[in-house]
Amino acid sequence: MSTEKHVPPDLDDSRVDRAVATLFALPTATARRLCELGRVRIDGRKASKGDRTKAGAVVVVVGADWFVAGAAAAVILHKGPELIVVDKPAGAPCHPLVPGEGNTVADALVALFPELRWAALEEREGGLLHRLDTGTSGCLAFARNRQAWTRLRQGFDDVDKTYLALVQGDCGPAVVEKALAPDPSDARRMRVDVAGRPARTEIKPLATTTTASLVQLQLHGGRRHQLRVHLAWLGHPLIGDRLYDPASGPGDVAFLLHAWRLQVPGMGPAGARLVVDAPLPPLFVGAVEAHGLRGP
């Protein structure tokens, strides 16, 4: 991404954050955050997000490289000529939201495989084919070149994705088919909304008590926060999910959601289905056992 641009006539008298978003092909929220961090300068002076631009002015984004060297190495579950699958730790963002943020999974992967930088349409994604919430662990897939990314991304909603989760209450088998949309009252949240995008979640209990259940989840649709919202709607929110369970207090552990298995058609030997499993992290195993349950 270039670090310097000139304001064209059609962006004269625009808000700085909107102009930066247009000039550098960034989401508006990212451009706004760069302004807040003091990393946007116009004609040599630090610019605030609400300042106005002038045609011909020089806009510079300081430290505009998306990726930071020296991130912790990722655990590689599968490495092929077109596809890499890693075991994402809970708490690690998938990719940077602003240039130079650091400590994301994409940082680690681009350091190991530099070609990933150019695989996705947006450089910041580093070839990422899908996303997991920061608090979710497990299988995360990256394409190694633009051709593979384009082909795999088009059909990635249909890739088999199986999760494990620790939820509240005695949860029975269920299928939740509820459309999802952003919650207009809270930008952090999604909600069930008939006007939203279709989403389907299949729920299979593996072990239950009267207070908690270990469930296997089959994801269809891959909407933002889909599993968390569908479980909360069903009355069995993730234990510790403060965003979707108001009863979760500050002393609760982080929610436990793990992308356990990924099955990608055509990526295995001789064009067979590739099946990749991510082992349960120790924190997840410990929480399951603490609730008197046993994992798979």
C-alpha atoms as a PDB file:
ATOM      1  CA  MET A   1       0.000   0.000   0.000  1.00  0.00           C
ATOM      2  CA  SER A   2       1.409   3.376  -0.998  1.00  0.00           C
ATOM      3  CA  THR A   3       2.039   5.761   1.885  1.00  0.00           C
ATOM      4  CA  GLU A   4       1.494   9.011  -0.026  1.00  0.00           C
ATOM      5  CA  LYS A   5      -1.382  10.280  -2.168  1.00  0.00           C
ATOM      6  CA  HIS A   6      -2.570  13.596  -3.600  1.00  0.00           C
ATOM      7  CA  VAL A   7      -6.150  14.710  -2.998  1.00  0.00           C
ATOM      8  CA  PRO A   8      -7.982  14.747  -6.357  1.00  0.00           C
ATOM      9  CA  PRO A   9     -10.520  17.466  -7.234  1.00  0.00           C
ATOM     10  CA  ASP A  10     -13.492  15.182  -6.542  1.00  0.00           C
ATOM     11  CA  LEU A  11     -12.373  14.798  -2.892  1.00  0.00           C
ATOM     12  CA  ASP A  12     -11.958  18.533  -2.267  1.00  0.00           C
ATOM     13  CA  ASP A  13     -13.589  19.564   1.037  1.00  0.00           C
ATOM     14  CA  SER A  14     -14.133  15.941   2.107  1.00  0.00           C
ATOM     15  CA  ARG A  15     -13.729  14.696   5.663  1.00  0.00           C
ATOM     16  CA  VAL A  16     -10.187  13.431   6.174  1.00  0.00           C
ATOM     17  CA  ASP A  17     -11.232   9.965   7.309  1.00  0.00           C
ATOM     18  CA  ARG A  18     -13.428   9.484   4.247  1.00  0.00           C
ATOM     19  CA  ALA A  19     -10.740  10.808   1.913  1.00  0.00           C
ATOM     20  CA  VAL A  20      -8.120   8.485   3.432  1.00  0.00           C
ATOM     21  CA  ALA A  21     -10.494   5.540   3.082  1.00  0.00           C
ATOM     22  CA  THR A  22     -11.004   6.335  -0.616  1.00  0.00           C
ATOM     23  CA  LEU A  23      -7.379   7.148  -1.450  1.00  0.00           C
ATOM     24  CA  PHE A  24      -5.866   4.109   0.275  1.00  0.00           C
ATOM     25  CA  ALA A  25      -8.734   1.639  -0.355  1.00  0.00           C
ATOM     26  CA  LEU A  26      -9.391   1.185   3.369  1.00  0.00           C
ATOM     27  CA  PRO A  27     -12.579   0.616   5.355  1.00  0.00           C
ATOM     28  CA  THR A  28     -13.799   3.925   6.777  1.00  0.00           C
ATOM     29  CA  ALA A  29     -13.451   2.585  10.323  1.00  0.00           C
ATOM     30  CA  THR A  30      -9.785   1.800   9.631  1.00  0.00           C
ATOM     31  CA  ALA A  31      -9.147   5.268   8.214  1.00  0.00           C
ATOM     32  CA  ARG A  32     -10.840   6.826  11.243  1.00  0.00           C
ATOM     33  CA  ARG A  33      -8.673   4.764  13.588  1.00  0.00           C
ATOM     34  CA  LEU A  34      -5.492   5.812  11.758  1.00  0.00           C
ATOM     35  CA  CYS A  35      -6.490   9.447  12.292  1.00  0.00           C
ATOM     36  CA  GLU A  36      -7.116   8.802  15.981  1.00  0.00           C
ATOM     37  CA  LEU A  37      -3.651   7.219  16.267  1.00  0.00           C
ATOM     38  CA  GLY A  38      -2.074  10.339  14.748  1.00  0.00           C
ATOM     39  CA  ARG A  39      -0.799   8.451  11.700  1.00  0.00           C
ATOM     40  CA  VAL A  40      -2.418  10.649   9.045  1.00  0.00           C
ATOM     41  CA  ARG A  41      -0.673  13.835   7.907  1.00  0.00           C
ATOM     42  CA  ILE A  42      -1.788  16.353   5.314  1.00  0.00           C
ATOM     43  CA  ASP A  43       0.879  18.654   3.879  1.00  0.00           C
ATOM     44  CA  GLY A  44       3.120  17.663   6.766  1.00  0.00           C
ATOM     45  CA  ARG A  45       0.626  18.415   9.566  1.00  0.00           C
ATOM     46  CA  LYS A  46      -1.184  15.859  11.708  1.00  0.00           C
ATOM     47  CA  ALA A  47      -4.826  15.597  10.602  1.00  0.00           C
ATOM     48  CA  SER A  48      -7.925  14.815  12.657  1.00  0.00           C
ATOM     49  CA  LYS A  49     -10.667  12.622  11.221  1.00  0.00           C
ATOM     50  CA  GLY A  50     -13.127  15.512  10.941  1.00  0.00           C
ATOM     51  CA  ASP A  51     -10.762  17.958   9.220  1.00  0.00           C
ATOM     52  CA  ARG A  52     -11.527  18.928   5.620  1.00  0.00           C
ATOM     53  CA  THR A  53      -9.297  18.198   2.647  1.00  0.00           C
ATOM     54  CA  LYS A  54      -8.143  20.487  -0.152  1.00  0.00           C
ATOM     55  CA  ALA A  55      -7.549  19.401  -3.730  1.00  0.00           C
ATOM     56  CA  GLY A  56      -3.857  18.878  -4.410  1.00  0.00           C
ATOM     57  CA  ALA A  57      -2.894  18.387  -0.761  1.00  0.00           C
ATOM     58  CA  VAL A  58      -0.440  15.568   0.023  1.00  0.00           C
ATOM     59  CA  VAL A  59      -1.871  12.880   2.296  1.00  0.00           C
ATOM     60  CA  VAL A  60       0.588  10.598   4.095  1.00  0.00           C
ATOM     61  CA  VAL A  61      -0.221   7.574   6.234  1.00  0.00           C
ATOM     62  CA  VAL A  62       2.707   6.974   8.586  1.00  0.00           C
ATOM     63  CA  GLY A  63       3.791   3.370   9.000  1.00  0.00           C
ATOM     64  CA  ALA A  64       1.372   2.104   6.390  1.00  0.00           C
ATOM     65  CA  ASP A  65       2.721  -1.447   5.986  1.00  0.00           C
ATOM     66  CA  TRP A  66      -0.007  -3.834   7.092  1.00  0.00           C
ATOM     67  CA  PHE A  67       2.205  -6.541   8.541  1.00  0.00           C
ATOM     68  CA  VAL A  68       4.705  -6.508  11.387  1.00  0.00           C
ATOM     69  CA  ALA A  69       7.726  -8.803  11.472  1.00  0.00           C
ATOM     70  CA  GLY A  70       8.516 -10.812  14.567  1.00  0.00           C
ATOM     71  CA  ALA A  71       5.021 -12.094  15.366  1.00  0.00           C
ATOM     72  CA  ALA A  72       4.841 -15.426  17.175  1.00  0.00           C
ATOM     73  CA  ALA A  73       4.982 -18.434  14.858  1.00  0.00           C
ATOM     74  CA  ALA A  74       1.646 -20.068  14.048  1.00  0.00           C
ATOM     75  CA  VAL A  75       1.085 -23.813  14.434  1.00  0.00           C
ATOM     76  CA  ILE A  76       0.681 -25.216  10.915  1.00  0.00           C
ATOM     77  CA  LEU A  77      -1.935 -27.979  10.632  1.00  0.00           C
ATOM     78  CA  HIS A  78      -1.751 -28.331   6.837  1.00  0.00           C
ATOM     79  CA  LYS A  79       0.622 -26.907   4.220  1.00  0.00           C
ATOM     80  CA  GLY A  80      -0.170 -27.499   0.558  1.00  0.00           C
ATOM     81  CA  PRO A  81       0.691 -25.720  -2.696  1.00  0.00           C
ATOM     82  CA  GLU A  82      -2.560 -23.725  -2.608  1.00  0.00           C
ATOM     83  CA  LEU A  83      -3.872 -23.923   0.962  1.00  0.00           C
ATOM     84  CA  ILE A  84      -2.479 -23.455   4.467  1.00  0.00           C
ATOM     85  CA  VAL A  85      -4.497 -24.255   7.594  1.00  0.00           C
ATOM     86  CA  VAL A  86      -3.262 -23.080  10.988  1.00  0.00           C
ATOM     87  CA  ASP A  87      -4.379 -23.595  14.574  1.00  0.00           C
ATOM     88  CA  LYS A  88      -5.453 -20.122  15.658  1.00  0.00           C
ATOM     89  CA  PRO A  89      -5.059 -19.476  19.398  1.00  0.00           C
ATOM     90  CA  ALA A  90      -7.929 -17.869  21.274  1.00  0.00           C
ATOM     91  CA  GLY A  91      -7.280 -14.154  21.789  1.00  0.00           C
ATOM     92  CA  ALA A  92      -5.371 -13.636  18.522  1.00  0.00           C
ATOM     93  CA  PRO A  93      -7.062 -11.474  15.837  1.00  0.00           C
ATOM     94  CA  CYS A  94      -7.170 -13.013  12.370  1.00  0.00           C
ATOM     95  CA  HIS A  95      -5.706  -9.998  10.564  1.00  0.00           C
ATOM     96  CA  PRO A  96      -4.780  -6.380  11.332  1.00  0.00           C
ATOM     97  CA  LEU A  97      -7.513  -3.762  11.347  1.00  0.00           C
ATOM     98  CA  VAL A  98      -5.019  -0.925  10.912  1.00  0.00           C
ATOM     99  CA  PRO A  99      -1.579  -1.024   9.285  1.00  0.00           C
ATOM    100  CA  GLY A 100       1.147  -2.065  11.704  1.00  0.00           C
ATOM    101  CA  GLU A 101      -1.234  -3.315  14.394  1.00  0.00           C
ATOM    102  CA  GLY A 102       0.843  -6.492  14.898  1.00  0.00           C
ATOM    103  CA  ASN A 103       0.370  -9.792  16.726  1.00  0.00           C
ATOM    104  CA  THR A 104      -2.277 -11.150  14.375  1.00  0.00           C
ATOM    105  CA  VAL A 105      -2.380 -14.575  12.735  1.00  0.00           C
ATOM    106  CA  ALA A 106      -1.930 -12.972   9.309  1.00  0.00           C
ATOM    107  CA  ASP A 107       1.280 -11.288  10.552  1.00  0.00           C
ATOM    108  CA  ALA A 108       2.682 -14.685  11.502  1.00  0.00           C
ATOM    109  CA  LEU A 109       1.660 -16.323   8.227  1.00  0.00           C
ATOM    110  CA  VAL A 110       2.972 -13.561   5.946  1.00  0.00           C
ATOM    111  CA  ALA A 111       6.316 -13.735   7.774  1.00  0.00           C
ATOM    112  CA  LEU A 112       6.497 -17.462   7.008  1.00  0.00           C
ATOM    113  CA  PHE A 113       4.965 -17.348   3.515  1.00  0.00           C
ATOM    114  CA  PRO A 114       5.507 -13.893   1.927  1.00  0.00           C
ATOM    115  CA  GLU A 115       3.376 -14.765  -1.108  1.00  0.00           C
ATOM    116  CA  LEU A 116       0.266 -14.614   1.084  1.00  0.00           C
ATOM    117  CA  ARG A 117       0.548 -10.824   1.160  1.00  0.00           C
ATOM    118  CA  TRP A 118      -0.830 -10.614  -2.386  1.00  0.00           C
ATOM    119  CA  ALA A 119      -3.230 -13.584  -2.381  1.00  0.00           C
ATOM    120  CA  ALA A 120      -6.449 -11.835  -1.252  1.00  0.00           C
ATOM    121  CA  LEU A 121      -8.068  -8.773  -2.811  1.00  0.00           C
ATOM    122  CA  GLU A 122      -7.356  -6.844   0.403  1.00  0.00           C
ATOM    123  CA  GLU A 123      -3.674  -6.952   1.340  1.00  0.00           C
ATOM    124  CA  ARG A 124      -4.433  -6.822   5.089  1.00  0.00           C
ATOM    125  CA  GLU A 125      -6.104 -10.275   4.904  1.00  0.00           C
ATOM    126  CA  GLY A 126      -2.879 -12.034   3.935  1.00  0.00           C
ATOM    127  CA  GLY A 127      -4.725 -14.680   1.896  1.00  0.00           C
ATOM    128  CA  LEU A 128      -7.334 -15.304   4.603  1.00  0.00           C
ATOM    129  CA  LEU A 129     -10.291 -17.333   3.333  1.00  0.00           C
ATOM    130  CA  HIS A 130     -12.636 -16.881   6.307  1.00  0.00           C
ATOM    131  CA  ARG A 131     -12.646 -15.349   9.774  1.00  0.00           C
ATOM    132  CA  LEU A 132     -12.902 -16.496  13.361  1.00  0.00           C
ATOM    133  CA  ASP A 133     -13.788 -14.234  16.271  1.00  0.00           C
ATOM    134  CA  THR A 134     -10.756 -13.120  18.249  1.00  0.00           C
ATOM    135  CA  GLY A 135     -11.902 -15.290  21.163  1.00  0.00           C
ATOM    136  CA  THR A 136     -12.372 -18.407  19.007  1.00  0.00           C
ATOM    137  CA  SER A 137      -9.598 -20.972  18.565  1.00  0.00           C
ATOM    138  CA  GLY A 138      -8.976 -23.624  15.920  1.00  0.00           C
ATOM    139  CA  CYS A 139      -8.769 -24.150  12.163  1.00  0.00           C
ATOM    140  CA  LEU A 140      -8.132 -21.032  10.098  1.00  0.00           C
ATOM    141  CA  ALA A 141      -7.439 -21.279   6.357  1.00  0.00           C
ATOM    142  CA  PHE A 142      -5.285 -19.167   4.019  1.00  0.00           C
ATOM    143  CA  ALA A 143      -4.843 -19.361   0.230  1.00  0.00           C
ATOM    144  CA  ARG A 144      -1.301 -19.111  -1.124  1.00  0.00           C
ATOM    145  CA  ASN A 145      -2.016 -17.254  -4.376  1.00  0.00           C
ATOM    146  CA  ARG A 146      -4.737 -15.103  -5.963  1.00  0.00           C
ATOM    147  CA  GLN A 147      -6.006 -17.861  -8.251  1.00  0.00           C
ATOM    148  CA  ALA A 148      -6.478 -20.269  -5.342  1.00  0.00           C
ATOM    149  CA  TRP A 149      -7.985 -17.531  -3.153  1.00  0.00           C
ATOM    150  CA  THR A 150     -10.538 -16.590  -5.815  1.00  0.00           C
ATOM    151  CA  ARG A 151     -11.583 -20.187  -6.420  1.00  0.00           C
ATOM    152  CA  LEU A 152     -11.712 -21.248  -2.779  1.00  0.00           C
ATOM    153  CA  ARG A 153     -13.286 -18.042  -1.477  1.00  0.00           C
ATOM    154  CA  GLN A 154     -16.215 -18.302  -3.878  1.00  0.00           C
ATOM    155  CA  GLY A 155     -17.240 -21.629  -2.394  1.00  0.00           C
ATOM    156  CA  PHE A 156     -15.990 -21.312   1.155  1.00  0.00           C
ATOM    157  CA  ASP A 157     -19.443 -20.900   2.647  1.00  0.00           C
ATOM    158  CA  ASP A 158     -20.061 -24.496   1.505  1.00  0.00           C
ATOM    159  CA  VAL A 159     -16.902 -25.910   3.114  1.00  0.00           C
ATOM    160  CA  ASP A 160     -17.751 -28.222   6.029  1.00  0.00           C
ATOM    161  CA  LYS A 161     -16.929 -26.411   9.272  1.00  0.00           C
ATOM    162  CA  THR A 162     -17.396 -28.215  12.585  1.00  0.00           C
ATOM    163  CA  TYR A 163     -17.031 -26.465  15.940  1.00  0.00           C
ATOM    164  CA  LEU A 164     -17.075 -27.513  19.576  1.00  0.00           C
ATOM    165  CA  ALA A 165     -18.585 -25.237  22.215  1.00  0.00           C
ATOM    166  CA  LEU A 166     -19.291 -25.177  25.932  1.00  0.00           C
ATOM    167  CA  VAL A 167     -22.786 -23.776  26.506  1.00  0.00           C
ATOM    168  CA  GLN A 168     -25.119 -23.095  29.369  1.00  0.00           C
ATOM    169  CA  GLY A 169     -27.780 -25.594  30.409  1.00  0.00           C
ATOM    170  CA  ASP A 170     -28.856 -29.040  29.250  1.00  0.00           C
ATOM    171  CA  CYS A 171     -28.815 -28.496  25.484  1.00  0.00           C
ATOM    172  CA  GLY A 172     -30.548 -31.013  23.243  1.00  0.00           C
ATOM    173  CA  PRO A 173     -30.169 -31.538  19.488  1.00  0.00           C
ATOM    174  CA  ALA A 174     -31.481 -28.683  17.392  1.00  0.00           C
ATOM    175  CA  VAL A 175     -31.312 -26.927  14.052  1.00  0.00           C
ATOM    176  CA  VAL A 176     -31.435 -23.131  14.117  1.00  0.00           C
ATOM    177  CA  GLU A 177     -32.205 -21.529  10.773  1.00  0.00           C
ATOM    178  CA  LYS A 178     -32.464 -17.818  11.488  1.00  0.00           C
ATOM    179  CA  ALA A 179     -31.271 -14.927   9.349  1.00  0.00           C
ATOM    180  CA  LEU A 180     -28.759 -12.551  10.937  1.00  0.00           C
ATOM    181  CA  ALA A 181     -28.135  -8.816  10.625  1.00  0.00           C
ATOM    182  CA  PRO A 182     -26.144  -6.159  12.522  1.00  0.00           C
ATOM    183  CA  ASP A 183     -27.784  -4.949  15.721  1.00  0.00           C
ATOM    184  CA  PRO A 184     -28.608  -1.256  15.141  1.00  0.00           C
ATOM    185  CA  SER A 185     -28.448  -0.586  18.887  1.00  0.00           C
ATOM    186  CA  ASP A 186     -24.896  -1.963  19.311  1.00  0.00           C
ATOM    187  CA  ALA A 187     -22.314  -2.095  16.510  1.00  0.00           C
ATOM    188  CA  ARG A 188     -20.461  -4.902  18.310  1.00  0.00           C
ATOM    189  CA  ARG A 189     -23.399  -7.283  18.048  1.00  0.00           C
ATOM    190  CA  MET A 190     -25.440  -9.231  15.521  1.00  0.00           C
ATOM    191  CA  ARG A 191     -29.054 -10.256  15.999  1.00  0.00           C
ATOM    192  CA  VAL A 192     -31.711 -12.570  14.571  1.00  0.00           C
ATOM    193  CA  ASP A 193     -33.532 -10.541  11.913  1.00  0.00           C
ATOM    194  CA  VAL A 194     -35.839 -11.782   9.151  1.00  0.00           C
ATOM    195  CA  ALA A 195     -34.402  -9.052   6.900  1.00  0.00           C
ATOM    196  CA  GLY A 196     -30.835 -10.315   7.430  1.00  0.00           C
ATOM    197  CA  ARG A 197     -28.692 -12.867   5.603  1.00  0.00           C
ATOM    198  CA  PRO A 198     -29.667 -16.556   5.841  1.00  0.00           C
ATOM    199  CA  ALA A 199     -27.762 -18.747   8.310  1.00  0.00           C
ATOM    200  CA  ARG A 200     -28.166 -22.297   9.541  1.00  0.00           C
ATOM    201  CA  THR A 201     -26.567 -24.004  12.545  1.00  0.00           C
ATOM    202  CA  GLU A 202     -26.900 -27.692  13.415  1.00  0.00           C
ATOM    203  CA  ILE A 203     -26.394 -28.524  17.107  1.00  0.00           C
ATOM    204  CA  LYS A 204     -25.495 -31.975  18.406  1.00  0.00           C
ATOM    205  CA  PRO A 205     -24.918 -32.484  22.160  1.00  0.00           C
ATOM    206  CA  LEU A 206     -21.880 -34.621  23.013  1.00  0.00           C
ATOM    207  CA  ALA A 207     -22.114 -34.492  26.819  1.00  0.00           C
ATOM    208  CA  THR A 208     -24.562 -32.700  29.105  1.00  0.00           C
ATOM    209  CA  THR A 209     -25.373 -31.935  32.716  1.00  0.00           C
ATOM    210  CA  THR A 210     -28.204 -29.839  34.115  1.00  0.00           C
ATOM    211  CA  THR A 211     -25.966 -26.760  34.055  1.00  0.00           C
ATOM    212  CA  ALA A 212     -23.670 -27.129  31.032  1.00  0.00           C
ATOM    213  CA  SER A 213     -23.306 -28.951  27.726  1.00  0.00           C
ATOM    214  CA  LEU A 214     -20.490 -29.731  25.332  1.00  0.00           C
ATOM    215  CA  VAL A 215     -21.973 -29.440  21.855  1.00  0.00           C
ATOM    216  CA  GLN A 216     -20.832 -30.031  18.298  1.00  0.00           C
ATOM    217  CA  LEU A 217     -21.887 -27.347  15.839  1.00  0.00           C
ATOM    218  CA  GLN A 218     -22.138 -27.565  12.065  1.00  0.00           C
ATOM    219  CA  LEU A 219     -21.920 -24.130  10.473  1.00  0.00           C
ATOM    220  CA  HIS A 220     -23.792 -23.252   7.281  1.00  0.00           C
ATOM    221  CA  GLY A 221     -23.546 -19.651   6.103  1.00  0.00           C
ATOM    222  CA  GLY A 222     -20.591 -18.340   8.062  1.00  0.00           C
ATOM    223  CA  ARG A 223     -22.170 -15.064   9.174  1.00  0.00           C
ATOM    224  CA  ARG A 224     -20.495 -12.826  11.732  1.00  0.00           C
ATOM    225  CA  HIS A 225     -21.056 -14.201  15.270  1.00  0.00           C
ATOM    226  CA  GLN A 226     -23.443 -16.783  13.806  1.00  0.00           C
ATOM    227  CA  LEU A 227     -22.865 -19.567  16.323  1.00  0.00           C
ATOM    228  CA  ARG A 228     -22.893 -17.210  19.298  1.00  0.00           C
ATOM    229  CA  VAL A 229     -26.153 -15.556  18.238  1.00  0.00           C
ATOM    230  CA  HIS A 230     -27.939 -18.805  17.341  1.00  0.00           C
ATOM    231  CA  LEU A 231     -26.961 -20.431  20.645  1.00  0.00           C
ATOM    232  CA  ALA A 232     -28.105 -17.397  22.620  1.00  0.00           C
ATOM    233  CA  TRP A 233     -31.390 -17.314  20.684  1.00  0.00           C
ATOM    234  CA  LEU A 234     -31.892 -20.989  21.518  1.00  0.00           C
ATOM    235  CA  GLY A 235     -31.437 -20.241  25.219  1.00  0.00           C
ATOM    236  CA  HIS A 236     -28.032 -21.913  25.532  1.00  0.00           C
ATOM    237  CA  PRO A 237     -25.440 -19.110  25.162  1.00  0.00           C
ATOM    238  CA  LEU A 238     -21.744 -19.840  25.274  1.00  0.00           C
ATOM    239  CA  ILE A 239     -20.561 -19.940  28.861  1.00  0.00           C
ATOM    240  CA  GLY A 240     -18.696 -16.686  29.482  1.00  0.00           C
ATOM    241  CA  ASP A 241     -19.977 -14.888  26.379  1.00  0.00           C
ATOM    242  CA  ARG A 242     -20.533 -11.454  27.930  1.00  0.00           C
ATOM    243  CA  LEU A 243     -21.627  -9.917  24.622  1.00  0.00           C
ATOM    244  CA  TYR A 244     -24.615 -12.219  24.120  1.00  0.00           C
ATOM    245  CA  ASP A 245     -25.315 -13.318  27.690  1.00  0.00           C
ATOM    246  CA  PRO A 246     -25.952 -10.344  29.987  1.00  0.00           C
ATOM    247  CA  ALA A 247     -25.952 -12.701  33.000  1.00  0.00           C
ATOM    248  CA  SER A 248     -22.256 -13.472  32.498  1.00  0.00           C
ATOM    249  CA  GLY A 249     -20.390 -11.502  35.122  1.00  0.00           C
ATOM    250  CA  PRO A 250     -16.905 -10.016  34.894  1.00  0.00           C
ATOM    251  CA  GLY A 251     -15.458 -12.975  36.779  1.00  0.00           C
ATOM    252  CA  ASP A 252     -16.455 -15.514  34.121  1.00  0.00           C
ATOM    253  CA  VAL A 253     -13.855 -17.068  31.827  1.00  0.00           C
ATOM    254  CA  ALA A 254     -13.767 -16.096  28.167  1.00  0.00           C
ATOM    255  CA  PHE A 255     -16.221 -18.007  25.979  1.00  0.00           C
ATOM    256  CA  LEU A 256     -15.071 -21.387  24.703  1.00  0.00           C
ATOM    257  CA  LEU A 257     -15.679 -21.893  20.984  1.00  0.00           C
ATOM    258  CA  HIS A 258     -13.270 -24.009  18.946  1.00  0.00           C
ATOM    259  CA  ALA A 259     -13.120 -24.519  15.165  1.00  0.00           C
ATOM    260  CA  TRP A 260     -12.409 -28.216  15.491  1.00  0.00           C
ATOM    261  CA  ARG A 261     -12.591 -29.594  11.955  1.00  0.00           C
ATOM    262  CA  LEU A 262     -12.355 -28.176   8.449  1.00  0.00           C
ATOM    263  CA  GLN A 263     -13.184 -30.270   5.362  1.00  0.00           C
ATOM    264  CA  VAL A 264     -12.238 -28.710   2.029  1.00  0.00           C
ATOM    265  CA  PRO A 265     -13.272 -30.456  -1.224  1.00  0.00           C
ATOM    266  CA  GLY A 266     -10.527 -31.071  -3.778  1.00  0.00           C
ATOM    267  CA  MET A 267      -7.605 -30.109  -1.513  1.00  0.00           C
ATOM    268  CA  GLY A 268      -6.601 -33.603  -0.384  1.00  0.00           C
ATOM    269  CA  PRO A 269      -4.404 -36.196  -2.159  1.00  0.00           C
ATOM    270  CA  ALA A 270      -5.478 -36.848  -5.751  1.00  0.00           C
ATOM    271  CA  GLY A 271      -8.220 -34.240  -5.432  1.00  0.00           C
ATOM    272  CA  ALA A 272      -9.909 -35.887  -2.470  1.00  0.00           C
ATOM    273  CA  ARG A 273     -11.530 -33.998   0.405  1.00  0.00           C
ATOM    274  CA  LEU A 274      -8.990 -32.521   2.814  1.00  0.00           C
ATOM    275  CA  VAL A 275      -9.877 -33.069   6.483  1.00  0.00           C
ATOM    276  CA  VAL A 276      -7.980 -31.011   9.077  1.00  0.00           C
ATOM    277  CA  ASP A 277      -8.529 -31.236  12.842  1.00  0.00           C
ATOM    278  CA  ALA A 278      -7.290 -28.745  15.447  1.00  0.00           C
ATOM    279  CA  PRO A 279      -6.655 -30.252  18.909  1.00  0.00           C
ATOM    280  CA  LEU A 280      -8.623 -28.804  21.796  1.00  0.00           C
ATOM    281  CA  PRO A 281      -6.547 -26.220  23.694  1.00  0.00           C
ATOM    282  CA  PRO A 282      -5.755 -27.025  27.348  1.00  0.00           C
ATOM    283  CA  LEU A 283      -7.977 -24.189  28.626  1.00  0.00           C
ATOM    284  CA  PHE A 284     -10.948 -25.670  26.774  1.00  0.00           C
ATOM    285  CA  VAL A 285     -10.241 -29.196  28.059  1.00  0.00           C
ATOM    286  CA  GLY A 286      -9.882 -27.904  31.607  1.00  0.00           C
ATOM    287  CA  ALA A 287     -13.174 -25.997  31.450  1.00  0.00           C
ATOM    288  CA  VAL A 288     -15.026 -29.011  30.069  1.00  0.00           C
ATOM    289  CA  GLU A 289     -13.699 -31.228  32.847  1.00  0.00           C
ATOM    290  CA  ALA A 290     -14.475 -28.574  35.480  1.00  0.00           C
ATOM    291  CA  HIS A 291     -18.127 -28.818  34.451  1.00  0.00           C
ATOM    292  CA  GLY A 292     -18.111 -32.602  34.857  1.00  0.00           C
ATOM    293  CA  LEU A 293     -18.057 -33.303  31.129  1.00  0.00           C
ATOM    294  CA  ARG A 294     -15.742 -35.227  28.793  1.00  0.00           C
ATOM    295  CA  GLY A 295     -14.578 -34.135  25.382  1.00  0.00           C
ATOM    296  CA  PRO A 296     -14.522 -36.141  22.136  1.00  0.00           C
END
